[in-house]
N, C-alpha and C. Protein backbone atom coordinates (compact mmCIF):
# COMPACT_ATOMS: atom_id res chain seq x y z
N MET A 1 -20.85 8.38 17.44
CA MET A 1 -19.68 7.56 17.73
C MET A 1 -19.43 6.57 16.59
N ILE A 2 -18.18 6.43 16.20
CA ILE A 2 -17.81 5.50 15.15
C ILE A 2 -17.79 4.09 15.72
N THR A 3 -18.43 3.17 15.04
CA THR A 3 -18.42 1.78 15.48
C THR A 3 -17.46 0.97 14.63
N VAL A 4 -16.93 -0.08 15.24
CA VAL A 4 -15.98 -0.94 14.55
C VAL A 4 -16.50 -2.37 14.57
N GLU A 5 -16.94 -2.85 13.43
CA GLU A 5 -17.37 -4.23 13.29
C GLU A 5 -16.24 -5.03 12.67
N MET A 6 -15.78 -6.05 13.35
CA MET A 6 -14.61 -6.78 12.89
C MET A 6 -14.92 -7.73 11.74
N LYS A 7 -16.22 -7.95 11.44
CA LYS A 7 -16.56 -8.96 10.44
C LYS A 7 -16.34 -8.48 9.02
N GLU A 8 -16.61 -7.22 8.74
CA GLU A 8 -16.60 -6.75 7.35
C GLU A 8 -15.63 -5.58 7.19
N TRP A 9 -14.53 -5.85 6.53
CA TRP A 9 -13.55 -4.81 6.20
C TRP A 9 -13.23 -4.93 4.71
N THR A 10 -12.87 -3.81 4.13
CA THR A 10 -12.38 -3.81 2.76
C THR A 10 -10.89 -3.48 2.77
N GLY A 11 -10.14 -4.16 1.92
CA GLY A 11 -8.74 -3.85 1.74
C GLY A 11 -8.56 -2.98 0.51
N ILE A 12 -7.80 -1.91 0.64
CA ILE A 12 -7.56 -0.99 -0.47
C ILE A 12 -6.06 -0.95 -0.75
N ILE A 13 -5.69 -1.23 -1.99
CA ILE A 13 -4.28 -1.14 -2.39
C ILE A 13 -4.14 0.05 -3.34
N LEU A 14 -3.30 0.99 -2.97
CA LEU A 14 -3.08 2.18 -3.78
C LEU A 14 -2.00 1.88 -4.81
N ALA A 15 -2.40 1.80 -6.06
CA ALA A 15 -1.47 1.38 -7.12
C ALA A 15 -1.66 2.20 -8.38
N GLY A 16 -1.98 3.48 -8.21
CA GLY A 16 -2.28 4.31 -9.37
C GLY A 16 -1.18 5.27 -9.76
N GLY A 17 0.00 5.12 -9.12
CA GLY A 17 1.10 6.04 -9.42
C GLY A 17 1.74 5.76 -10.76
N LEU A 18 2.52 6.72 -11.22
CA LEU A 18 3.19 6.59 -12.52
C LEU A 18 4.55 5.91 -12.41
N SER A 19 5.06 5.74 -11.17
CA SER A 19 6.37 5.08 -10.95
C SER A 19 7.46 5.73 -11.80
N SER A 20 7.43 7.05 -11.88
CA SER A 20 8.37 7.75 -12.77
C SER A 20 9.82 7.56 -12.34
N ARG A 21 10.07 7.52 -11.03
CA ARG A 21 11.44 7.34 -10.56
C ARG A 21 11.91 5.90 -10.73
N MET A 22 10.98 4.97 -10.75
CA MET A 22 11.32 3.56 -10.92
C MET A 22 11.64 3.24 -12.38
N GLY A 23 10.93 3.89 -13.29
CA GLY A 23 11.14 3.62 -14.70
C GLY A 23 10.19 2.59 -15.27
N SER A 24 9.47 1.88 -14.41
CA SER A 24 8.43 0.93 -14.83
C SER A 24 7.45 0.80 -13.67
N ASN A 25 6.31 0.21 -13.92
CA ASN A 25 5.27 0.11 -12.89
C ASN A 25 5.76 -0.75 -11.74
N LYS A 26 5.96 -0.13 -10.57
CA LYS A 26 6.53 -0.84 -9.42
C LYS A 26 5.62 -1.96 -8.92
N ALA A 27 4.32 -1.81 -9.08
CA ALA A 27 3.39 -2.83 -8.61
C ALA A 27 3.55 -4.14 -9.35
N LEU A 28 4.06 -4.09 -10.58
CA LEU A 28 4.18 -5.28 -11.41
C LEU A 28 5.57 -5.90 -11.39
N LEU A 29 6.47 -5.38 -10.58
CA LEU A 29 7.82 -5.93 -10.52
C LEU A 29 7.78 -7.34 -9.95
N PRO A 30 8.61 -8.25 -10.46
CA PRO A 30 8.60 -9.63 -9.98
C PRO A 30 9.15 -9.77 -8.58
N LEU A 31 8.56 -10.71 -7.83
CA LEU A 31 9.01 -10.98 -6.46
C LEU A 31 8.59 -12.39 -6.07
N ASP A 32 9.57 -13.25 -5.85
CA ASP A 32 9.32 -14.62 -5.39
C ASP A 32 8.28 -15.34 -6.26
N GLY A 33 8.42 -15.23 -7.56
CA GLY A 33 7.52 -15.94 -8.46
C GLY A 33 6.18 -15.27 -8.68
N SER A 34 5.98 -14.11 -8.09
CA SER A 34 4.73 -13.37 -8.27
C SER A 34 5.10 -11.93 -8.60
N ILE A 35 4.26 -10.98 -8.23
CA ILE A 35 4.57 -9.57 -8.41
C ILE A 35 4.37 -8.85 -7.08
N VAL A 36 4.92 -7.65 -6.98
CA VAL A 36 4.87 -6.91 -5.72
C VAL A 36 3.44 -6.68 -5.26
N LEU A 37 2.55 -6.29 -6.17
CA LEU A 37 1.17 -6.01 -5.78
C LEU A 37 0.51 -7.24 -5.16
N GLU A 38 0.78 -8.42 -5.71
CA GLU A 38 0.20 -9.65 -5.17
C GLU A 38 0.68 -9.93 -3.76
N HIS A 39 1.93 -9.59 -3.44
CA HIS A 39 2.44 -9.81 -2.09
C HIS A 39 1.73 -8.89 -1.10
N VAL A 40 1.48 -7.64 -1.51
CA VAL A 40 0.72 -6.75 -0.64
C VAL A 40 -0.70 -7.28 -0.46
N ALA A 41 -1.31 -7.76 -1.53
CA ALA A 41 -2.67 -8.32 -1.45
C ALA A 41 -2.71 -9.53 -0.53
N GLU A 42 -1.71 -10.38 -0.59
CA GLU A 42 -1.67 -11.57 0.28
C GLU A 42 -1.56 -11.18 1.74
N ALA A 43 -0.85 -10.07 2.01
CA ALA A 43 -0.70 -9.63 3.39
C ALA A 43 -1.99 -9.05 3.96
N ILE A 44 -2.75 -8.36 3.13
CA ILE A 44 -3.96 -7.69 3.62
C ILE A 44 -5.18 -8.61 3.57
N ALA A 45 -5.14 -9.63 2.72
CA ALA A 45 -6.31 -10.48 2.48
C ALA A 45 -6.88 -11.15 3.72
N PRO A 46 -6.06 -11.68 4.67
CA PRO A 46 -6.65 -12.36 5.83
C PRO A 46 -7.53 -11.46 6.70
N ALA A 47 -7.37 -10.14 6.58
CA ALA A 47 -8.09 -9.23 7.45
C ALA A 47 -9.32 -8.62 6.80
N VAL A 48 -9.56 -8.93 5.52
CA VAL A 48 -10.64 -8.24 4.81
C VAL A 48 -11.50 -9.24 4.03
N SER A 49 -12.68 -8.76 3.64
CA SER A 49 -13.58 -9.61 2.86
C SER A 49 -13.50 -9.31 1.37
N ARG A 50 -12.86 -8.21 1.01
CA ARG A 50 -12.78 -7.80 -0.39
C ARG A 50 -11.57 -6.89 -0.57
N ILE A 51 -10.94 -6.94 -1.74
CA ILE A 51 -9.82 -6.07 -2.04
C ILE A 51 -10.16 -5.20 -3.25
N ILE A 52 -9.93 -3.91 -3.10
CA ILE A 52 -10.09 -2.95 -4.18
C ILE A 52 -8.72 -2.37 -4.52
N VAL A 53 -8.39 -2.34 -5.79
CA VAL A 53 -7.14 -1.72 -6.24
C VAL A 53 -7.46 -0.35 -6.81
N ALA A 54 -6.92 0.69 -6.18
CA ALA A 54 -7.03 2.04 -6.72
C ALA A 54 -6.00 2.15 -7.82
N ALA A 55 -6.44 1.95 -9.05
CA ALA A 55 -5.52 1.73 -10.16
C ALA A 55 -5.16 2.99 -10.93
N GLY A 56 -5.89 4.07 -10.73
CA GLY A 56 -5.61 5.28 -11.49
C GLY A 56 -5.62 4.98 -12.99
N PRO A 57 -4.55 5.38 -13.70
CA PRO A 57 -4.50 5.12 -15.15
C PRO A 57 -4.04 3.70 -15.50
N ASN A 58 -3.81 2.87 -14.46
CA ASN A 58 -3.23 1.54 -14.70
C ASN A 58 -4.27 0.41 -14.68
N VAL A 59 -5.54 0.74 -14.87
CA VAL A 59 -6.60 -0.26 -14.76
C VAL A 59 -6.34 -1.46 -15.66
N ASP A 60 -6.01 -1.23 -16.90
CA ASP A 60 -5.81 -2.33 -17.84
C ASP A 60 -4.70 -3.27 -17.38
N ALA A 61 -3.68 -2.73 -16.72
CA ALA A 61 -2.54 -3.54 -16.29
C ALA A 61 -2.91 -4.50 -15.16
N TYR A 62 -3.96 -4.17 -14.40
CA TYR A 62 -4.31 -4.98 -13.23
C TYR A 62 -5.55 -5.85 -13.41
N GLN A 63 -6.29 -5.67 -14.47
CA GLN A 63 -7.57 -6.36 -14.63
C GLN A 63 -7.43 -7.86 -14.50
N ALA A 64 -6.36 -8.43 -15.02
CA ALA A 64 -6.21 -9.88 -15.03
C ALA A 64 -5.96 -10.46 -13.64
N LEU A 65 -5.68 -9.61 -12.65
CA LEU A 65 -5.38 -10.10 -11.30
C LEU A 65 -6.64 -10.53 -10.55
N GLY A 66 -7.80 -10.12 -11.02
CA GLY A 66 -9.04 -10.58 -10.42
C GLY A 66 -9.61 -9.71 -9.32
N TYR A 67 -9.00 -8.55 -9.06
CA TYR A 67 -9.51 -7.64 -8.03
C TYR A 67 -10.39 -6.56 -8.67
N THR A 68 -11.26 -5.98 -7.86
CA THR A 68 -11.99 -4.81 -8.32
C THR A 68 -11.00 -3.66 -8.50
N CYS A 69 -10.97 -3.07 -9.69
CA CYS A 69 -10.06 -1.96 -9.97
C CYS A 69 -10.88 -0.70 -10.24
N VAL A 70 -10.45 0.41 -9.66
CA VAL A 70 -11.18 1.66 -9.85
C VAL A 70 -10.23 2.73 -10.36
N GLU A 71 -10.77 3.60 -11.21
CA GLU A 71 -10.03 4.75 -11.71
C GLU A 71 -10.30 5.96 -10.83
N ASP A 72 -9.38 6.91 -10.84
CA ASP A 72 -9.55 8.12 -10.05
C ASP A 72 -10.68 8.99 -10.61
N GLY A 73 -11.51 9.49 -9.71
CA GLY A 73 -12.50 10.48 -10.12
C GLY A 73 -11.88 11.86 -10.28
N TYR A 74 -10.70 12.03 -9.66
CA TYR A 74 -9.95 13.28 -9.76
C TYR A 74 -8.56 12.95 -10.28
N PRO A 75 -8.42 12.68 -11.57
CA PRO A 75 -7.14 12.24 -12.13
C PRO A 75 -6.01 13.24 -11.89
N GLY A 76 -4.83 12.69 -11.66
CA GLY A 76 -3.65 13.53 -11.51
C GLY A 76 -3.48 14.19 -10.17
N LYS A 77 -4.28 13.77 -9.17
CA LYS A 77 -4.21 14.42 -7.87
C LYS A 77 -3.65 13.51 -6.78
N GLY A 78 -2.85 12.52 -7.19
CA GLY A 78 -2.05 11.77 -6.23
C GLY A 78 -2.82 10.76 -5.39
N PRO A 79 -2.20 10.34 -4.27
CA PRO A 79 -2.78 9.26 -3.47
C PRO A 79 -4.14 9.59 -2.85
N LEU A 80 -4.40 10.86 -2.58
CA LEU A 80 -5.72 11.20 -2.05
C LEU A 80 -6.81 10.86 -3.06
N ALA A 81 -6.52 11.04 -4.33
CA ALA A 81 -7.50 10.70 -5.37
C ALA A 81 -7.73 9.20 -5.43
N GLY A 82 -6.66 8.42 -5.29
CA GLY A 82 -6.80 6.97 -5.28
C GLY A 82 -7.60 6.49 -4.09
N LEU A 83 -7.31 7.06 -2.92
CA LEU A 83 -8.06 6.69 -1.71
C LEU A 83 -9.53 7.05 -1.86
N HIS A 84 -9.79 8.21 -2.41
CA HIS A 84 -11.17 8.65 -2.62
C HIS A 84 -11.93 7.69 -3.52
N ALA A 85 -11.31 7.31 -4.65
CA ALA A 85 -11.98 6.41 -5.60
C ALA A 85 -12.28 5.06 -4.96
N ALA A 86 -11.34 4.55 -4.19
CA ALA A 86 -11.53 3.24 -3.58
C ALA A 86 -12.57 3.29 -2.47
N LEU A 87 -12.56 4.34 -1.67
CA LEU A 87 -13.56 4.46 -0.61
C LEU A 87 -14.96 4.60 -1.20
N GLU A 88 -15.08 5.29 -2.32
CA GLU A 88 -16.39 5.40 -2.96
C GLU A 88 -16.89 4.03 -3.43
N ALA A 89 -15.96 3.15 -3.80
CA ALA A 89 -16.35 1.82 -4.27
C ALA A 89 -16.53 0.82 -3.13
N SER A 90 -16.03 1.17 -1.95
CA SER A 90 -16.12 0.26 -0.80
C SER A 90 -17.55 0.18 -0.29
N GLU A 91 -17.90 -0.96 0.28
CA GLU A 91 -19.22 -1.16 0.85
C GLU A 91 -19.15 -1.42 2.35
N THR A 92 -17.99 -1.16 2.95
CA THR A 92 -17.84 -1.35 4.39
C THR A 92 -17.45 -0.04 5.06
N GLU A 93 -17.77 0.08 6.35
CA GLU A 93 -17.45 1.31 7.07
C GLU A 93 -15.95 1.48 7.23
N TRP A 94 -15.26 0.39 7.60
CA TRP A 94 -13.82 0.46 7.85
C TRP A 94 -13.05 -0.16 6.70
N ASN A 95 -11.91 0.46 6.41
CA ASN A 95 -11.10 0.04 5.28
C ASN A 95 -9.62 0.05 5.65
N LEU A 96 -8.95 -1.05 5.37
CA LEU A 96 -7.50 -1.14 5.55
C LEU A 96 -6.84 -0.73 4.24
N VAL A 97 -5.84 0.12 4.35
CA VAL A 97 -5.20 0.70 3.17
C VAL A 97 -3.72 0.39 3.17
N CYS A 98 -3.17 0.12 2.00
CA CYS A 98 -1.72 -0.07 1.87
C CYS A 98 -1.29 0.36 0.47
N ALA A 99 -0.15 1.03 0.40
CA ALA A 99 0.43 1.35 -0.90
C ALA A 99 0.96 0.07 -1.53
N CYS A 100 1.06 0.07 -2.85
CA CYS A 100 1.45 -1.13 -3.57
C CYS A 100 2.95 -1.42 -3.49
N ASP A 101 3.72 -0.48 -2.93
CA ASP A 101 5.18 -0.61 -2.99
C ASP A 101 5.82 -0.97 -1.65
N MET A 102 5.10 -1.75 -0.83
CA MET A 102 5.61 -2.18 0.47
C MET A 102 5.65 -3.70 0.53
N PRO A 103 6.57 -4.35 -0.17
CA PRO A 103 6.55 -5.81 -0.28
C PRO A 103 6.95 -6.55 0.99
N LEU A 104 7.40 -5.83 2.04
CA LEU A 104 7.76 -6.50 3.29
C LEU A 104 6.62 -6.50 4.31
N VAL A 105 5.50 -5.85 3.98
CA VAL A 105 4.39 -5.78 4.93
C VAL A 105 3.83 -7.18 5.19
N GLN A 106 3.40 -7.40 6.45
CA GLN A 106 2.93 -8.71 6.88
C GLN A 106 1.48 -8.64 7.39
N PRO A 107 0.75 -9.76 7.35
CA PRO A 107 -0.64 -9.77 7.82
C PRO A 107 -0.78 -9.29 9.26
N SER A 108 0.20 -9.56 10.11
CA SER A 108 0.11 -9.17 11.52
C SER A 108 -0.03 -7.67 11.71
N LEU A 109 0.54 -6.88 10.80
CA LEU A 109 0.41 -5.43 10.93
C LEU A 109 -1.04 -5.01 10.77
N PHE A 110 -1.73 -5.59 9.81
CA PHE A 110 -3.12 -5.21 9.57
C PHE A 110 -4.05 -5.72 10.67
N THR A 111 -3.84 -6.93 11.14
CA THR A 111 -4.70 -7.43 12.21
C THR A 111 -4.45 -6.67 13.51
N THR A 112 -3.23 -6.21 13.71
CA THR A 112 -2.94 -5.38 14.89
C THR A 112 -3.67 -4.06 14.80
N LEU A 113 -3.66 -3.44 13.64
CA LEU A 113 -4.40 -2.19 13.47
C LEU A 113 -5.89 -2.39 13.70
N GLN A 114 -6.41 -3.52 13.26
CA GLN A 114 -7.82 -3.81 13.51
C GLN A 114 -8.12 -3.91 15.00
N ARG A 115 -7.25 -4.57 15.74
CA ARG A 115 -7.46 -4.68 17.19
C ARG A 115 -7.42 -3.32 17.86
N LEU A 116 -6.51 -2.47 17.42
CA LEU A 116 -6.44 -1.12 17.98
C LEU A 116 -7.71 -0.34 17.67
N ALA A 117 -8.25 -0.52 16.47
CA ALA A 117 -9.48 0.17 16.10
C ALA A 117 -10.65 -0.27 16.97
N ALA A 118 -10.66 -1.53 17.35
CA ALA A 118 -11.75 -2.06 18.16
C ALA A 118 -11.80 -1.40 19.54
N SER A 119 -10.65 -0.90 20.00
CA SER A 119 -10.60 -0.27 21.32
C SER A 119 -10.63 1.26 21.24
N ASP A 120 -10.73 1.80 20.04
CA ASP A 120 -10.71 3.25 19.85
C ASP A 120 -11.80 3.61 18.86
N LYS A 121 -12.92 4.11 19.37
CA LYS A 121 -14.08 4.38 18.52
C LYS A 121 -14.28 5.88 18.27
N THR A 122 -13.22 6.66 18.43
CA THR A 122 -13.38 8.12 18.30
C THR A 122 -12.62 8.70 17.12
N HIS A 123 -11.69 7.94 16.51
CA HIS A 123 -10.88 8.49 15.42
C HIS A 123 -11.31 7.87 14.08
N PRO A 124 -11.48 8.70 13.05
CA PRO A 124 -11.91 8.18 11.76
C PRO A 124 -10.78 7.62 10.91
N ALA A 125 -9.55 7.77 11.38
CA ALA A 125 -8.40 7.23 10.65
C ALA A 125 -7.31 6.88 11.65
N MET A 126 -6.46 5.94 11.29
CA MET A 126 -5.39 5.49 12.16
C MET A 126 -4.23 5.06 11.28
N VAL A 127 -3.07 5.70 11.45
CA VAL A 127 -1.90 5.37 10.64
C VAL A 127 -0.67 5.32 11.53
N PRO A 128 0.35 4.56 11.13
CA PRO A 128 1.59 4.49 11.93
C PRO A 128 2.39 5.79 11.85
N ARG A 129 3.12 6.05 12.94
CA ARG A 129 4.08 7.16 12.97
C ARG A 129 5.33 6.65 13.68
N LEU A 130 6.40 6.50 12.94
CA LEU A 130 7.64 5.95 13.48
C LEU A 130 8.72 7.02 13.50
N GLU A 131 9.25 7.28 14.68
CA GLU A 131 10.30 8.29 14.84
C GLU A 131 9.91 9.61 14.20
N GLY A 132 8.65 9.98 14.40
CA GLY A 132 8.16 11.25 13.90
C GLY A 132 7.70 11.25 12.46
N ARG A 133 7.95 10.18 11.74
CA ARG A 133 7.54 10.11 10.34
C ARG A 133 6.19 9.43 10.21
N VAL A 134 5.24 10.13 9.62
CA VAL A 134 3.90 9.59 9.41
C VAL A 134 3.89 8.74 8.15
N HIS A 135 3.19 7.59 8.24
CA HIS A 135 3.05 6.69 7.09
C HIS A 135 1.57 6.64 6.70
N PRO A 136 1.09 7.64 5.96
CA PRO A 136 -0.34 7.75 5.70
C PRO A 136 -0.88 6.75 4.69
N LEU A 137 0.01 6.09 3.94
CA LEU A 137 -0.47 5.18 2.89
C LEU A 137 -0.55 3.74 3.36
N VAL A 138 -0.48 3.53 4.67
CA VAL A 138 -0.80 2.23 5.26
C VAL A 138 -1.53 2.51 6.57
N GLY A 139 -2.73 2.00 6.68
CA GLY A 139 -3.51 2.31 7.89
C GLY A 139 -4.98 1.99 7.70
N MET A 140 -5.81 2.67 8.47
CA MET A 140 -7.24 2.41 8.44
C MET A 140 -8.01 3.71 8.26
N TYR A 141 -9.04 3.65 7.44
CA TYR A 141 -9.86 4.83 7.18
C TYR A 141 -11.33 4.45 7.25
N HIS A 142 -12.07 5.22 8.02
CA HIS A 142 -13.52 5.03 8.12
C HIS A 142 -14.21 5.79 6.99
N MET A 143 -15.35 5.31 6.58
CA MET A 143 -16.10 5.93 5.50
C MET A 143 -16.45 7.40 5.79
N ASP A 144 -16.46 7.77 7.05
CA ASP A 144 -16.80 9.14 7.43
C ASP A 144 -15.81 10.17 6.89
N VAL A 145 -14.63 9.74 6.45
CA VAL A 145 -13.64 10.71 5.96
C VAL A 145 -13.93 11.17 4.54
N LEU A 146 -14.85 10.52 3.84
CA LEU A 146 -15.07 10.82 2.43
C LEU A 146 -15.43 12.29 2.14
N PRO A 147 -16.34 12.91 2.87
CA PRO A 147 -16.68 14.30 2.53
C PRO A 147 -15.48 15.24 2.63
N SER A 148 -14.69 15.13 3.68
CA SER A 148 -13.54 16.03 3.81
C SER A 148 -12.48 15.70 2.77
N LEU A 149 -12.35 14.43 2.42
CA LEU A 149 -11.40 14.02 1.39
C LEU A 149 -11.79 14.62 0.04
N GLU A 150 -13.07 14.54 -0.29
CA GLU A 150 -13.52 15.11 -1.56
C GLU A 150 -13.34 16.62 -1.59
N GLN A 151 -13.56 17.27 -0.45
CA GLN A 151 -13.39 18.72 -0.40
C GLN A 151 -11.94 19.11 -0.66
N CYS A 152 -11.01 18.34 -0.10
CA CYS A 152 -9.59 18.60 -0.35
C CYS A 152 -9.26 18.47 -1.83
N LEU A 153 -9.80 17.46 -2.47
CA LEU A 153 -9.53 17.25 -3.88
C LEU A 153 -10.10 18.39 -4.73
N LYS A 154 -11.30 18.82 -4.40
CA LYS A 154 -11.92 19.92 -5.15
C LYS A 154 -11.13 21.21 -5.01
N GLU A 155 -10.50 21.40 -3.84
CA GLU A 155 -9.77 22.63 -3.58
C GLU A 155 -8.27 22.49 -3.85
N ASP A 156 -7.86 21.35 -4.39
CA ASP A 156 -6.45 21.09 -4.68
C ASP A 156 -5.57 21.19 -3.43
N ARG A 157 -6.11 20.79 -2.30
CA ARG A 157 -5.32 20.68 -1.07
C ARG A 157 -4.90 19.22 -0.95
N LEU A 158 -3.74 18.89 -1.47
CA LEU A 158 -3.37 17.50 -1.71
C LEU A 158 -2.32 16.96 -0.76
N ARG A 159 -1.93 17.72 0.24
CA ARG A 159 -0.97 17.21 1.22
C ARG A 159 -1.68 16.23 2.14
N VAL A 160 -1.29 14.97 2.09
CA VAL A 160 -1.98 13.93 2.86
C VAL A 160 -1.85 14.18 4.34
N THR A 161 -0.66 14.54 4.81
CA THR A 161 -0.45 14.71 6.25
C THR A 161 -1.28 15.87 6.81
N ARG A 162 -1.45 16.91 6.02
CA ARG A 162 -2.29 18.03 6.50
C ARG A 162 -3.74 17.58 6.62
N TRP A 163 -4.20 16.82 5.66
CA TRP A 163 -5.58 16.31 5.72
C TRP A 163 -5.77 15.42 6.94
N LEU A 164 -4.78 14.59 7.25
CA LEU A 164 -4.89 13.73 8.43
C LEU A 164 -5.07 14.55 9.69
N GLU A 165 -4.36 15.66 9.80
CA GLU A 165 -4.53 16.54 10.95
C GLU A 165 -5.95 17.09 11.01
N GLU A 166 -6.47 17.46 9.86
CA GLU A 166 -7.81 18.06 9.81
C GLU A 166 -8.89 17.09 10.28
N ILE A 167 -8.74 15.82 9.95
CA ILE A 167 -9.80 14.86 10.29
C ILE A 167 -9.62 14.23 11.67
N GLY A 168 -8.53 14.57 12.36
CA GLY A 168 -8.33 14.02 13.70
C GLY A 168 -7.84 12.60 13.69
N CYS A 169 -6.87 12.33 12.83
CA CYS A 169 -6.29 10.99 12.73
C CYS A 169 -5.58 10.60 14.03
N ARG A 170 -5.62 9.34 14.36
CA ARG A 170 -4.82 8.81 15.46
C ARG A 170 -3.53 8.24 14.90
N TYR A 171 -2.42 8.61 15.51
CA TYR A 171 -1.12 8.10 15.09
C TYR A 171 -0.71 6.94 15.99
N VAL A 172 -0.41 5.82 15.36
CA VAL A 172 0.02 4.64 16.10
C VAL A 172 1.54 4.66 16.16
N GLU A 173 2.07 4.85 17.35
CA GLU A 173 3.52 4.98 17.52
C GLU A 173 4.19 3.62 17.51
N ALA A 174 5.51 3.64 17.33
CA ALA A 174 6.28 2.40 17.32
C ALA A 174 6.07 1.61 18.61
N GLU A 175 5.96 2.33 19.74
CA GLU A 175 5.77 1.64 21.02
C GLU A 175 4.43 0.90 21.06
N ASP A 176 3.40 1.49 20.45
CA ASP A 176 2.09 0.82 20.40
C ASP A 176 2.20 -0.49 19.62
N LEU A 177 2.91 -0.44 18.51
CA LEU A 177 3.06 -1.64 17.69
C LEU A 177 3.92 -2.68 18.39
N GLU A 178 4.96 -2.23 19.07
CA GLU A 178 5.82 -3.18 19.79
C GLU A 178 5.05 -3.89 20.90
N ARG A 179 4.22 -3.14 21.63
CA ARG A 179 3.42 -3.76 22.69
C ARG A 179 2.45 -4.79 22.10
N ALA A 180 2.06 -4.58 20.85
CA ALA A 180 1.14 -5.52 20.19
C ALA A 180 1.87 -6.67 19.51
N GLY A 181 3.20 -6.69 19.63
CA GLY A 181 3.97 -7.79 19.07
C GLY A 181 4.63 -7.53 17.74
N ILE A 182 4.51 -6.29 17.21
CA ILE A 182 5.14 -5.94 15.93
C ILE A 182 6.50 -5.32 16.23
N GLN A 183 7.55 -6.10 16.07
CA GLN A 183 8.89 -5.64 16.41
C GLN A 183 9.65 -5.07 15.21
N ASP A 184 9.15 -5.30 14.02
CA ASP A 184 9.88 -4.89 12.81
C ASP A 184 9.05 -3.93 11.96
N ALA A 185 8.35 -3.01 12.61
CA ALA A 185 7.46 -2.11 11.88
C ALA A 185 8.21 -1.29 10.84
N ALA A 186 9.40 -0.81 11.18
CA ALA A 186 10.15 0.02 10.23
C ALA A 186 10.45 -0.74 8.95
N ALA A 187 10.83 -2.00 9.09
CA ALA A 187 11.11 -2.82 7.91
C ALA A 187 9.85 -3.05 7.10
N GLN A 188 8.74 -3.37 7.78
CA GLN A 188 7.49 -3.64 7.07
C GLN A 188 6.99 -2.43 6.29
N LEU A 189 7.27 -1.24 6.82
CA LEU A 189 6.78 -0.02 6.19
C LEU A 189 7.76 0.55 5.17
N SER A 190 8.83 -0.16 4.90
CA SER A 190 9.78 0.29 3.88
C SER A 190 9.10 0.27 2.51
N ASN A 191 9.26 1.34 1.78
CA ASN A 191 8.69 1.38 0.43
C ASN A 191 9.80 1.58 -0.59
N MET A 192 9.46 1.49 -1.85
CA MET A 192 10.46 1.56 -2.90
C MET A 192 10.04 2.56 -3.97
N ASN A 193 10.97 3.44 -4.31
CA ASN A 193 10.71 4.43 -5.35
C ASN A 193 11.66 4.30 -6.53
N THR A 194 12.81 3.68 -6.30
CA THR A 194 13.80 3.52 -7.36
C THR A 194 14.14 2.04 -7.52
N MET A 195 14.82 1.71 -8.60
CA MET A 195 15.22 0.33 -8.82
C MET A 195 16.18 -0.14 -7.73
N GLN A 196 17.00 0.78 -7.20
CA GLN A 196 17.89 0.40 -6.10
C GLN A 196 17.09 0.06 -4.84
N ASP A 197 16.04 0.85 -4.56
CA ASP A 197 15.15 0.53 -3.43
C ASP A 197 14.57 -0.86 -3.60
N TYR A 198 14.13 -1.16 -4.79
CA TYR A 198 13.53 -2.47 -5.08
C TYR A 198 14.54 -3.59 -4.82
N GLN A 199 15.75 -3.44 -5.32
CA GLN A 199 16.77 -4.46 -5.12
C GLN A 199 17.09 -4.63 -3.64
N ASP A 200 17.16 -3.51 -2.92
CA ASP A 200 17.46 -3.57 -1.48
C ASP A 200 16.37 -4.33 -0.73
N LEU A 201 15.11 -4.06 -1.07
CA LEU A 201 14.01 -4.73 -0.37
C LEU A 201 13.94 -6.21 -0.73
N VAL A 202 14.22 -6.53 -1.97
CA VAL A 202 14.26 -7.94 -2.36
C VAL A 202 15.32 -8.68 -1.56
N ASN A 203 16.45 -8.04 -1.37
CA ASN A 203 17.54 -8.68 -0.61
C ASN A 203 17.20 -8.82 0.86
N LYS A 204 16.34 -7.93 1.40
CA LYS A 204 15.95 -8.00 2.80
C LYS A 204 14.89 -9.06 3.05
N ARG A 205 14.19 -9.44 2.01
CA ARG A 205 13.03 -10.32 2.17
C ARG A 205 13.45 -11.77 2.33
N PRO A 206 13.24 -12.36 3.53
CA PRO A 206 13.58 -13.77 3.70
C PRO A 206 12.77 -14.64 2.77
N SER A 207 13.36 -15.72 2.31
CA SER A 207 12.67 -16.61 1.38
C SER A 207 11.44 -17.25 2.00
N SER A 208 11.38 -17.28 3.34
CA SER A 208 10.23 -17.90 4.01
C SER A 208 9.06 -16.96 4.16
N MET A 209 9.24 -15.65 3.84
CA MET A 209 8.15 -14.70 4.02
C MET A 209 7.11 -14.87 2.92
């Protein structure tokens, strides 16, 4: 049985993409006097004891931020490779994960996921699913997923959603989040791939957030 200890969690930020559609590194885009990656880190920090940045080829760009940065052990194999590298560097059983391009995410989303994990000790991963769309790059992953994750990378089976099915992931529906007090999950899970996406999210972000 998987156990959930609320004292020790690691936060993982996936920031190893090439941002080819954006035209520049999306994690480093300015936002409210800081950068996008820092806003994601601020949201996840209250729930974890340590933050690891899965930096891929961008290690040098993030070193000055003060977080542990790891390179992919399987370069060029997408977010699964970043998750694998960060989980290998983690020293806790449970890990909260978020992509670097979700600047509207709030601490309440991560603490809510932690509470759900405390009541569900049978699933090695837990991610949101809103209106049928799975959001695999924000959620929780137990260290037990590492062997199957590495096997997928070795075999070039890189579809994240298929891997989630294989490991028996639990999907947290919009209704689950609403009952826990998260009324704006869709907005929090908005991500950005283009400069227009970035501008739209900046405009949505209240100055008080």
